[in-house]
Amino acid sequence: QPYVDSMHHFLAAYDDKVQEEKNIECIPGHYFIQGGNDSEEKKAC
């Protein structure tokens, strides 16, 4: 059970709803290269 609890805790940030709210859908098979200034916030897949 401790292993199972650890897995659920770690994957909480990967919940489908969390990812849909915070991140964007990207095109598979290609690097997601983002331009702009170094200080600009980048999008995540």
All heavy atoms as atom14 arrays in JSON, in Angstrom:
{
  "sequence": "QPYVDSMHHFLAAYDDKVQEEKNIECIPGHYFIQGGNDSEEKKAC",
  "atom14_mask": [
    [1, 1, 1, 1, 1, 1, 1, 1, 1, 0, 0, 0, 0, 0],
    [1, 1, 1, 1, 1, 1, 1, 0, 0, 0, 0, 0, 0, 0],
    [1, 1, 1, 1, 1, 1, 1, 1, 1, 1, 1, 1, 0, 0],
    [1, 1, 1, 1, 1, 1, 1, 0, 0, 0, 0, 0, 0, 0],
    [1, 1, 1, 1, 1, 1, 1, 1, 0, 0, 0, 0, 0, 0],
    [1, 1, 1, 1, 1, 1, 0, 0, 0, 0, 0, 0, 0, 0],
    [1, 1, 1, 1, 1, 1, 1, 1, 0, 0, 0, 0, 0, 0],
    [1, 1, 1, 1, 1, 1, 1, 1, 1, 1, 0, 0, 0, 0],
    [1, 1, 1, 1, 1, 1, 1, 1, 1, 1, 0, 0, 0, 0],
    [1, 1, 1, 1, 1, 1, 1, 1, 1, 1, 1, 0, 0, 0],
    [1, 1, 1, 1, 1, 1, 1, 1, 0, 0, 0, 0, 0, 0],
    [1, 1, 1, 1, 1, 0, 0, 0, 0, 0, 0, 0, 0, 0],
    [1, 1, 1, 1, 1, 0, 0, 0, 0, 0, 0, 0, 0, 0],
    [1, 1, 1, 1, 1, 1, 1, 1, 1, 1, 1, 1, 0, 0],
    [1, 1, 1, 1, 1, 1, 1, 1, 0, 0, 0, 0, 0, 0],
    [1, 1, 1, 1, 1, 1, 1, 1, 0, 0, 0, 0, 0, 0],
    [1, 1, 1, 1, 1, 1, 1, 1, 1, 0, 0, 0, 0, 0],
    [1, 1, 1, 1, 1, 1, 1, 0, 0, 0, 0, 0, 0, 0],
    [1, 1, 1, 1, 1, 1, 1, 1, 1, 0, 0, 0, 0, 0],
    [1, 1, 1, 1, 1, 1, 1, 1, 1, 0, 0, 0, 0, 0],
    [1, 1, 1, 1, 1, 1, 1, 1, 1, 0, 0, 0, 0, 0],
    [1, 1, 1, 1, 1, 1, 1, 1, 1, 0, 0, 0, 0, 0],
    [1, 1, 1, 1, 1, 1, 1, 1, 0, 0, 0, 0, 0, 0],
    [1, 1, 1, 1, 1, 1, 1, 1, 0, 0, 0, 0, 0, 0],
    [1, 1, 1, 1, 1, 1, 1, 1, 1, 0, 0, 0, 0, 0],
    [1, 1, 1, 1, 1, 1, 0, 0, 0, 0, 0, 0, 0, 0],
    [1, 1, 1, 1, 1, 1, 1, 1, 0, 0, 0, 0, 0, 0],
    [1, 1, 1, 1, 1, 1, 1, 0, 0, 0, 0, 0, 0, 0],
    [1, 1, 1, 1, 0, 0, 0, 0, 0, 0, 0, 0, 0, 0],
    [1, 1, 1, 1, 1, 1, 1, 1, 1, 1, 0, 0, 0, 0],
    [1, 1, 1, 1, 1, 1, 1, 1, 1, 1, 1, 1, 0, 0],
    [1, 1, 1, 1, 1, 1, 1, 1, 1, 1, 1, 0, 0, 0],
    [1, 1, 1, 1, 1, 1, 1, 1, 0, 0, 0, 0, 0, 0],
    [1, 1, 1, 1, 1, 1, 1, 1, 1, 0, 0, 0, 0, 0],
    [1, 1, 1, 1, 0, 0, 0, 0, 0, 0, 0, 0, 0, 0],
    [1, 1, 1, 1, 0, 0, 0, 0, 0, 0, 0, 0, 0, 0],
    [1, 1, 1, 1, 1, 1, 1, 1, 0, 0, 0, 0, 0, 0],
    [1, 1, 1, 1, 1, 1, 1, 1, 0, 0, 0, 0, 0, 0],
    [1, 1, 1, 1, 1, 1, 0, 0, 0, 0, 0, 0, 0, 0],
    [1, 1, 1, 1, 1, 1, 1, 1, 1, 0, 0, 0, 0, 0],
    [1, 1, 1, 1, 1, 1, 1, 1, 1, 0, 0, 0, 0, 0],
    [1, 1, 1, 1, 1, 1, 1, 1, 1, 0, 0, 0, 0, 0],
    [1, 1, 1, 1, 1, 1, 1, 1, 1, 0, 0, 0, 0, 0],
    [1, 1, 1, 1, 1, 0, 0, 0, 0, 0, 0, 0, 0, 0],
    [1, 1, 1, 1, 1, 1, 0, 0, 0, 0, 0, 0, 0, 0]
  ],
  "atom14_positions": [
    [[0.81, -1.22, 0.0], [0.0, 0.0, 0.0], [0.85, 1.28, 0.0], [0.49, 2.25, -0.68], [-0.95, 0.01, 1.2], [-2.0, 1.11, 1.13], [-2.93, 0.96, -0.06], [-3.45, -0.13, -0.32], [-3.11, 2.05, -0.81], [0.0, 0.0, 0.0], [0.0, 0.0, 0.0], [0.0, 0.0, 0.0], [0.0, 0.0, 0.0], [0.0, 0.0, 0.0]],
    [[1.99, 1.34, 0.73], [2.81, 2.56, 0.65], [3.28, 2.89, -0.77], [3.35, 4.07, -1.15], [3.99, 2.24, 1.57], [3.44, 1.26, 2.55], [2.49, 0.41, 1.75], [0.0, 0.0, 0.0], [0.0, 0.0, 0.0], [0.0, 0.0, 0.0], [0.0, 0.0, 0.0], [0.0, 0.0, 0.0], [0.0, 0.0, 0.0], [0.0, 0.0, 0.0]],
    [[3.58, 1.87, -1.55], [3.98, 2.12, -2.94], [2.82, 2.69, -3.74], [2.98, 3.61, -4.54], [4.47, 0.82, -3.6], [5.71, 0.23, -2.96], [5.66, -1.0, -2.31], [6.93, 0.89, -3.02], [6.79, -1.56, -1.74], [8.07, 0.34, -2.46], [7.99, -0.88, -1.81], [9.11, -1.43, -1.23], [0.0, 0.0, 0.0], [0.0, 0.0, 0.0]],
    [[1.64, 2.14, -3.52], [0.45, 2.6, -4.22], [0.14, 4.05, -3.85], [-0.15, 4.88, -4.72], [-0.75, 1.68, -3.89], [-2.04, 2.28, -4.44], [-0.52, 0.29, -4.47], [0.0, 0.0, 0.0], [0.0, 0.0, 0.0], [0.0, 0.0, 0.0], [0.0, 0.0, 0.0], [0.0, 0.0, 0.0], [0.0, 0.0, 0.0], [0.0, 0.0, 0.0]],
    [[0.2, 4.37, -2.57], [-0.06, 5.74, -2.12], [0.95, 6.71, -2.73], [0.58, 7.83, -3.14], [0.01, 5.82, -0.59], [-1.12, 5.05, 0.08], [-2.13, 4.77, -0.6], [-0.99, 4.73, 1.28], [0.0, 0.0, 0.0], [0.0, 0.0, 0.0], [0.0, 0.0, 0.0], [0.0, 0.0, 0.0], [0.0, 0.0, 0.0], [0.0, 0.0, 0.0]],
    [[2.2, 6.3, -2.79], [3.24, 7.15, -3.38], [2.97, 7.42, -4.86], [3.15, 8.54, -5.34], [4.61, 6.49, -3.21], [5.62, 7.23, -3.86], [0.0, 0.0, 0.0], [0.0, 0.0, 0.0], [0.0, 0.0, 0.0], [0.0, 0.0, 0.0], [0.0, 0.0, 0.0], [0.0, 0.0, 0.0], [0.0, 0.0, 0.0], [0.0, 0.0, 0.0]],
    [[2.51, 6.4, -5.57], [2.19, 6.56, -6.99], [1.04, 7.53, -7.2], [1.09, 8.41, -8.07], [1.86, 5.2, -7.59], [3.05, 4.25, -7.66], [4.12, 4.54, -9.08], [3.23, 3.65, -10.35], [0.0, 0.0, 0.0], [0.0, 0.0, 0.0], [0.0, 0.0, 0.0], [0.0, 0.0, 0.0], [0.0, 0.0, 0.0], [0.0, 0.0, 0.0]],
    [[-0.01, 7.4, -6.41], [-1.16, 8.3, -6.55], [-0.74, 9.74, -6.24], [-1.17, 10.68, -6.93], [-2.29, 7.87, -5.63], [-3.13, 6.75, -6.18], [-3.92, 6.9, -7.31], [-3.31, 5.47, -5.76], [-4.54, 5.76, -7.57], [-4.19, 4.88, -6.64], [0.0, 0.0, 0.0], [0.0, 0.0, 0.0], [0.0, 0.0, 0.0], [0.0, 0.0, 0.0]],
    [[0.07, 9.93, -5.21], [0.53, 11.27, -4.84], [1.35, 11.88, -5.97], [1.15, 13.05, -6.35], [1.35, 11.2, -3.56], [1.92, 12.52, -3.14], [1.14, 13.51, -2.57], [3.19, 13.03, -3.22], [1.9, 14.57, -2.31], [3.14, 14.3, -2.71], [0.0, 0.0, 0.0], [0.0, 0.0, 0.0], [0.0, 0.0, 0.0], [0.0, 0.0, 0.0]],
    [[2.26, 11.09, -6.54], [3.11, 11.6, -7.61], [2.31, 11.95, -8.86], [2.59, 12.96, -9.53], [4.17, 10.55, -7.95], [5.05, 10.93, -9.11], [6.01, 11.91, -8.99], [4.91, 10.3, -10.34], [6.82, 12.26, -10.06], [5.71, 10.64, -11.41], [6.67, 11.63, -11.28], [0.0, 0.0, 0.0], [0.0, 0.0, 0.0], [0.0, 0.0, 0.0]],
    [[1.3, 11.14, -9.19], [0.55, 11.34, -10.43], [-0.58, 12.36, -10.31], [-1.27, 12.63, -11.29], [-0.03, 10.0, -10.9], [0.99, 9.02, -11.5], [0.33, 7.68, -11.8], [1.62, 9.59, -12.77], [0.0, 0.0, 0.0], [0.0, 0.0, 0.0], [0.0, 0.0, 0.0], [0.0, 0.0, 0.0], [0.0, 0.0, 0.0], [0.0, 0.0, 0.0]],
    [[-0.77, 12.93, -9.12], [-1.84, 13.92, -8.95], [-1.67, 15.08, -9.93], [-2.66, 15.6, -10.48], [-1.86, 14.42, -7.5], [0.0, 0.0, 0.0], [0.0, 0.0, 0.0], [0.0, 0.0, 0.0], [0.0, 0.0, 0.0], [0.0, 0.0, 0.0], [0.0, 0.0, 0.0], [0.0, 0.0, 0.0], [0.0, 0.0, 0.0], [0.0, 0.0, 0.0]],
    [[-0.44, 15.51, -10.17], [-0.19, 16.61, -11.1], [-0.45, 16.22, -12.54], [-0.52, 17.08, -13.43], [1.25, 17.1, -10.95], [0.0, 0.0, 0.0], [0.0, 0.0, 0.0], [0.0, 0.0, 0.0], [0.0, 0.0, 0.0], [0.0, 0.0, 0.0], [0.0, 0.0, 0.0], [0.0, 0.0, 0.0], [0.0, 0.0, 0.0], [0.0, 0.0, 0.0]],
    [[-0.59, 14.92, -12.8], [-0.82, 14.42, -14.15], [-2.29, 14.08, -14.41], [-2.63, 13.59, -15.49], [0.02, 13.16, -14.41], [1.51, 13.42, -14.47], [2.28, 13.46, -13.31], [2.16, 13.62, -15.68], [3.65, 13.68, -13.36], [3.53, 13.83, -15.75], [4.26, 13.87, -14.58], [5.62, 14.09, -14.63], [0.0, 0.0, 0.0], [0.0, 0.0, 0.0]],
    [[-3.16, 14.33, -13.44], [-4.59, 14.08, -13.64], [-5.06, 14.75, -14.92], [-4.66, 15.89, -15.21], [-5.4, 14.59, -12.45], [-5.3, 13.66, -11.24], [-4.85, 12.51, -11.41], [-5.69, 14.09, -10.14], [0.0, 0.0, 0.0], [0.0, 0.0, 0.0], [0.0, 0.0, 0.0], [0.0, 0.0, 0.0], [0.0, 0.0, 0.0], [0.0, 0.0, 0.0]],
    [[-5.9, 14.09, -15.66], [-6.33, 14.61, -16.95], [-6.92, 16.02, -16.85], [-6.6, 16.9, -17.65], [-7.35, 13.66, -17.59], [-6.7, 12.37, -18.09], [-5.59, 12.04, -17.62], [-7.29, 11.7, -18.95], [0.0, 0.0, 0.0], [0.0, 0.0, 0.0], [0.0, 0.0, 0.0], [0.0, 0.0, 0.0], [0.0, 0.0, 0.0], [0.0, 0.0, 0.0]],
    [[-7.76, 16.25, -15.86], [-8.39, 17.57, -15.7], [-7.37, 18.64, -15.39], [-7.45, 19.77, -15.88], [-9.47, 17.5, -14.62], [-10.7, 16.72, -15.02], [-11.78, 16.78, -13.94], [-13.03, 16.03, -14.37], [-14.1, 16.09, -13.32], [0.0, 0.0, 0.0], [0.0, 0.0, 0.0], [0.0, 0.0, 0.0], [0.0, 0.0, 0.0], [0.0, 0.0, 0.0]],
    [[-6.4, 18.29, -14.55], [-5.34, 19.26, -14.21], [-4.54, 19.64, -15.45], [-4.27, 20.82, -15.7], [-4.41, 18.67, -13.13], [-3.2, 19.59, -12.9], [-5.16, 18.44, -11.83], [0.0, 0.0, 0.0], [0.0, 0.0, 0.0], [0.0, 0.0, 0.0], [0.0, 0.0, 0.0], [0.0, 0.0, 0.0], [0.0, 0.0, 0.0], [0.0, 0.0, 0.0]],
    [[-4.2, 18.65, -16.25], [-3.43, 18.91, -17.46], [-4.23, 19.72, -18.48], [-3.69, 20.61, -19.14], [-2.96, 17.59, -18.08], [-1.86, 16.9, -17.29], [-0.56, 17.66, -17.31], [-0.06, 18.03, -18.37], [0.01, 17.91, -16.14], [0.0, 0.0, 0.0], [0.0, 0.0, 0.0], [0.0, 0.0, 0.0], [0.0, 0.0, 0.0], [0.0, 0.0, 0.0]],
    [[-5.5, 19.43, -18.61], [-6.35, 20.16, -19.55], [-6.5, 21.62, -19.16], [-6.6, 22.5, -20.02], [-7.72, 19.49, -19.65], [-7.68, 18.15, -20.37], [-8.98, 17.37, -20.24], [-9.9, 17.89, -19.57], [-9.08, 16.25, -20.78], [0.0, 0.0, 0.0], [0.0, 0.0, 0.0], [0.0, 0.0, 0.0], [0.0, 0.0, 0.0], [0.0, 0.0, 0.0]],
    [[-6.51, 21.89, -17.86], [-6.67, 23.27, -17.38], [-5.38, 24.07, -17.52], [-5.42, 25.26, -17.84], [-7.1, 23.26, -15.91], [-8.53, 22.77, -15.69], [-8.86, 22.64, -14.22], [-7.98, 22.93, -13.37], [-10.01, 22.26, -13.9], [0.0, 0.0, 0.0], [0.0, 0.0, 0.0], [0.0, 0.0, 0.0], [0.0, 0.0, 0.0], [0.0, 0.0, 0.0]],
    [[-4.23, 23.42, -17.3], [-2.96, 24.16, -17.23], [-2.18, 24.16, -18.54], [-1.48, 25.13, -18.84], [-2.08, 23.58, -16.11], [-2.6, 23.85, -14.71], [-1.59, 23.36, -13.68], [-2.02, 23.71, -12.27], [-1.02, 23.28, -11.26], [0.0, 0.0, 0.0], [0.0, 0.0, 0.0], [0.0, 0.0, 0.0], [0.0, 0.0, 0.0], [0.0, 0.0, 0.0]],
    [[-2.28, 23.06, -19.29], [-1.38, 22.89, -20.43], [-2.14, 22.73, -21.75], [-3.36, 22.61, -21.76], [-0.44, 21.7, -20.19], [0.47, 21.94, -18.99], [0.8, 23.08, -18.68], [0.86, 20.87, -18.31], [0.0, 0.0, 0.0], [0.0, 0.0, 0.0], [0.0, 0.0, 0.0], [0.0, 0.0, 0.0], [0.0, 0.0, 0.0], [0.0, 0.0, 0.0]],
    [[-1.41, 22.72, -22.84], [-2.03, 22.7, -24.16], [-1.76, 21.37, -24.86], [-0.84, 20.63, -24.51], [-1.49, 23.86, -25.03], [0.02, 23.67, -25.31], [-1.75, 25.2, -24.37], [0.57, 24.64, -26.34], [0.0, 0.0, 0.0], [0.0, 0.0, 0.0], [0.0, 0.0, 0.0], [0.0, 0.0, 0.0], [0.0, 0.0, 0.0], [0.0, 0.0, 0.0]],
    [[-2.57, 21.07, -25.86], [-2.33, 19.91, -26.71], [-1.28, 20.27, -27.75], [-1.35, 21.32, -28.38], [-3.62, 19.47, -27.4], [-4.67, 18.91, -26.46], [-5.85, 18.33, -27.21], [-5.73, 18.13, -28.43], [-6.89, 18.09, -26.56], [0.0, 0.0, 0.0], [0.0, 0.0, 0.0], [0.0, 0.0, 0.0], [0.0, 0.0, 0.0], [0.0, 0.0, 0.0]],
    [[-0.3, 19.4, -27.91], [0.8, 19.67, -28.84], [0.82, 18.64, -29.96], [0.1, 17.63, -29.91], [2.13, 19.65, -28.09], [2.27, 20.92, -26.81], [0.0, 0.0, 0.0], [0.0, 0.0, 0.0], [0.0, 0.0, 0.0], [0.0, 0.0, 0.0], [0.0, 0.0, 0.0], [0.0, 0.0, 0.0], [0.0, 0.0, 0.0], [0.0, 0.0, 0.0]],
    [[1.64, 18.9, -30.95], [1.76, 18.0, -32.1], [2.82, 16.95, -31.79], [4.0, 17.29, -31.61], [2.14, 18.78, -33.36], [1.09, 19.85, -33.65], [2.28, 17.83, -34.54], [1.46, 20.77, -34.8], [0.0, 0.0, 0.0], [0.0, 0.0, 0.0], [0.0, 0.0, 0.0], [0.0, 0.0, 0.0], [0.0, 0.0, 0.0], [0.0, 0.0, 0.0]],
    [[2.44, 15.68, -31.71], [3.43, 14.63, -31.4], [4.48, 14.51, -32.48], [4.26, 14.83, -33.65], [2.57, 13.35, -31.34], [1.17, 13.83, -31.12], [1.08, 15.14, -31.83], [0.0, 0.0, 0.0], [0.0, 0.0, 0.0], [0.0, 0.0, 0.0], [0.0, 0.0, 0.0], [0.0, 0.0, 0.0], [0.0, 0.0, 0.0], [0.0, 0.0, 0.0]],
    [[5.66, 14.06, -32.08], [6.73, 13.78, -33.04], [7.58, 14.95, -33.42], [8.46, 14.82, -34.29], [0.0, 0.0, 0.0], [0.0, 0.0, 0.0], [0.0, 0.0, 0.0], [0.0, 0.0, 0.0], [0.0, 0.0, 0.0], [0.0, 0.0, 0.0], [0.0, 0.0, 0.0], [0.0, 0.0, 0.0], [0.0, 0.0, 0.0], [0.0, 0.0, 0.0]],
    [[7.34, 16.12, -32.8], [8.12, 17.31, -33.14], [8.52, 18.05, -31.86], [7.72, 18.16, -30.93], [7.32, 18.26, -34.03], [6.88, 17.65, -35.33], [7.69, 17.61, -36.44], [5.71, 17.05, -35.67], [7.03, 17.02, -37.44], [5.83, 16.66, -36.99], [0.0, 0.0, 0.0], [0.0, 0.0, 0.0], [0.0, 0.0, 0.0], [0.0, 0.0, 0.0]],
    [[9.75, 18.54, -31.82], [10.15, 19.37, -30.69], [9.25, 20.6, -30.61], [8.87, 21.17, -31.64], [11.6, 19.83, -30.84], [12.63, 18.73, -30.75], [13.52, 18.5, -31.79], [12.73, 17.93, -29.62], [14.48, 17.51, -31.73], [13.69, 16.92, -29.53], [14.55, 16.72, -30.59], [15.5, 15.73, -30.53], [0.0, 0.0, 0.0], [0.0, 0.0, 0.0]],
    [[8.91, 21.01, -29.4], [8.07, 22.19, -29.19], [8.99, 23.37, -28.87], [9.24, 23.69, -27.71], [7.08, 21.93, -28.07], [6.08, 23.05, -27.86], [5.73, 23.9, -28.9], [5.48, 23.24, -26.63], [4.81, 24.92, -28.72], [4.55, 24.25, -26.43], [4.22, 25.1, -27.48], [0.0, 0.0, 0.0], [0.0, 0.0, 0.0], [0.0, 0.0, 0.0]],
    [[9.51, 23.97, -29.92], [10.46, 25.07, -29.77], [9.7, 26.38, -29.7], [8.89, 26.69, -30.58], [11.47, 25.07, -30.93], [12.25, 23.75, -30.95], [12.43, 26.25, -30.81], [13.13, 23.57, -32.16], [0.0, 0.0, 0.0], [0.0, 0.0, 0.0], [0.0, 0.0, 0.0], [0.0, 0.0, 0.0], [0.0, 0.0, 0.0], [0.0, 0.0, 0.0]],
    [[9.96, 27.16, -28.64], [9.24, 28.41, -28.42], [10.22, 29.58, -28.43], [11.25, 29.55, -27.75], [8.51, 28.37, -27.08], [7.54, 27.18, -26.99], [6.84, 27.1, -25.66], [6.12, 28.01, -25.26], [7.04, 25.99, -24.96], [0.0, 0.0, 0.0], [0.0, 0.0, 0.0], [0.0, 0.0, 0.0], [0.0, 0.0, 0.0], [0.0, 0.0, 0.0]],
    [[9.87, 30.59, -29.22], [10.72, 31.77, -29.34], [10.41, 32.79, -28.26], [9.84, 32.49, -27.22], [0.0, 0.0, 0.0], [0.0, 0.0, 0.0], [0.0, 0.0, 0.0], [0.0, 0.0, 0.0], [0.0, 0.0, 0.0], [0.0, 0.0, 0.0], [0.0, 0.0, 0.0], [0.0, 0.0, 0.0], [0.0, 0.0, 0.0], [0.0, 0.0, 0.0]],
    [[10.77, 34.04, -28.54], [10.52, 35.12, -27.6], [11.68, 35.31, -26.64], [12.7, 34.62, -26.7], [0.0, 0.0, 0.0], [0.0, 0.0, 0.0], [0.0, 0.0, 0.0], [0.0, 0.0, 0.0], [0.0, 0.0, 0.0], [0.0, 0.0, 0.0], [0.0, 0.0, 0.0], [0.0, 0.0, 0.0], [0.0, 0.0, 0.0], [0.0, 0.0, 0.0]],
    [[11.5, 36.25, -25.73], [12.54, 36.53, -24.74], [12.66, 35.4, -23.74], [11.7, 34.68, -23.47], [12.21, 37.84, -24.0], [12.19, 39.04, -24.93], [12.97, 39.09, -25.9], [11.33, 40.01, -24.65], [0.0, 0.0, 0.0], [0.0, 0.0, 0.0], [0.0, 0.0, 0.0], [0.0, 0.0, 0.0], [0.0, 0.0, 0.0], [0.0, 0.0, 0.0]],
    [[13.84, 35.3, -23.15], [14.06, 34.25, -22.16], [13.12, 34.38, -20.97], [12.81, 33.39, -20.31], [15.51, 34.29, -21.66], [16.49, 33.83, -22.72], [16.05, 33.18, -23.69], [17.69, 34.11, -22.57], [0.0, 0.0, 0.0], [0.0, 0.0, 0.0], [0.0, 0.0, 0.0], [0.0, 0.0, 0.0], [0.0, 0.0, 0.0], [0.0, 0.0, 0.0]],
    [[12.68, 35.6, -20.68], [11.85, 35.84, -19.5], [10.37, 35.57, -19.75], [9.57, 35.59, -18.81], [12.03, 37.27, -19.01], [11.66, 38.2, -20.04], [0.0, 0.0, 0.0], [0.0, 0.0, 0.0], [0.0, 0.0, 0.0], [0.0, 0.0, 0.0], [0.0, 0.0, 0.0], [0.0, 0.0, 0.0], [0.0, 0.0, 0.0], [0.0, 0.0, 0.0]],
    [[9.97, 35.35, -21.01], [8.57, 35.11, -21.32], [8.15, 33.72, -20.86], [8.88, 32.75, -21.05], [8.31, 35.25, -22.83], [8.45, 36.67, -23.34], [8.15, 36.76, -24.82], [7.64, 35.76, -25.39], [8.43, 37.81, -25.42], [0.0, 0.0, 0.0], [0.0, 0.0, 0.0], [0.0, 0.0, 0.0], [0.0, 0.0, 0.0], [0.0, 0.0, 0.0]],
    [[6.96, 33.63, -20.27], [6.47, 32.33, -19.81], [6.2, 31.42, -20.99], [5.6, 31.82, -21.99], [5.19, 32.52, -18.99], [4.67, 31.22, -18.39], [3.52, 31.43, -17.41], [3.56, 32.42, -16.66], [2.6, 30.6, -17.42], [0.0, 0.0, 0.0], [0.0, 0.0, 0.0], [0.0, 0.0, 0.0], [0.0, 0.0, 0.0], [0.0, 0.0, 0.0]],
    [[6.64, 30.18, -20.87], [6.5, 29.21, -21.95], [5.28, 28.32, -21.71], [4.89, 28.06, -20.57], [7.75, 28.34, -22.04], [9.05, 29.13, -22.13], [9.11, 30.05, -23.33], [10.45, 30.77, -23.37], [10.53, 31.77, -24.48], [0.0, 0.0, 0.0], [0.0, 0.0, 0.0], [0.0, 0.0, 0.0], [0.0, 0.0, 0.0], [0.0, 0.0, 0.0]],
    [[4.72, 27.85, -22.79], [3.6, 26.92, -22.7], [4.13, 25.5, -22.52], [5.24, 25.18, -22.93], [2.73, 27.0, -23.97], [2.1, 28.36, -24.18], [1.29, 28.4, -25.47], [0.67, 29.77, -25.68], [-0.09, 29.83, -26.96], [0.0, 0.0, 0.0], [0.0, 0.0, 0.0], [0.0, 0.0, 0.0], [0.0, 0.0, 0.0], [0.0, 0.0, 0.0]],
    [[3.32, 24.67, -21.9], [3.72, 23.27, -21.66], [2.71, 22.33, -22.29], [1.51, 22.61, -22.33], [3.84, 23.01, -20.16], [0.0, 0.0, 0.0], [0.0, 0.0, 0.0], [0.0, 0.0, 0.0], [0.0, 0.0, 0.0], [0.0, 0.0, 0.0], [0.0, 0.0, 0.0], [0.0, 0.0, 0.0], [0.0, 0.0, 0.0], [0.0, 0.0, 0.0]],
    [[3.2, 21.2, -22.79], [2.34, 20.21, -23.42], [1.7, 19.3, -22.38], [2.29, 18.99, -21.35], [3.16, 19.35, -24.39], [3.91, 20.27, -25.75], [0.0, 0.0, 0.0], [0.0, 0.0, 0.0], [0.0, 0.0, 0.0], [0.0, 0.0, 0.0], [0.0, 0.0, 0.0], [0.0, 0.0, 0.0], [0.0, 0.0, 0.0], [0.0, 0.0, 0.0]]
  ]
}
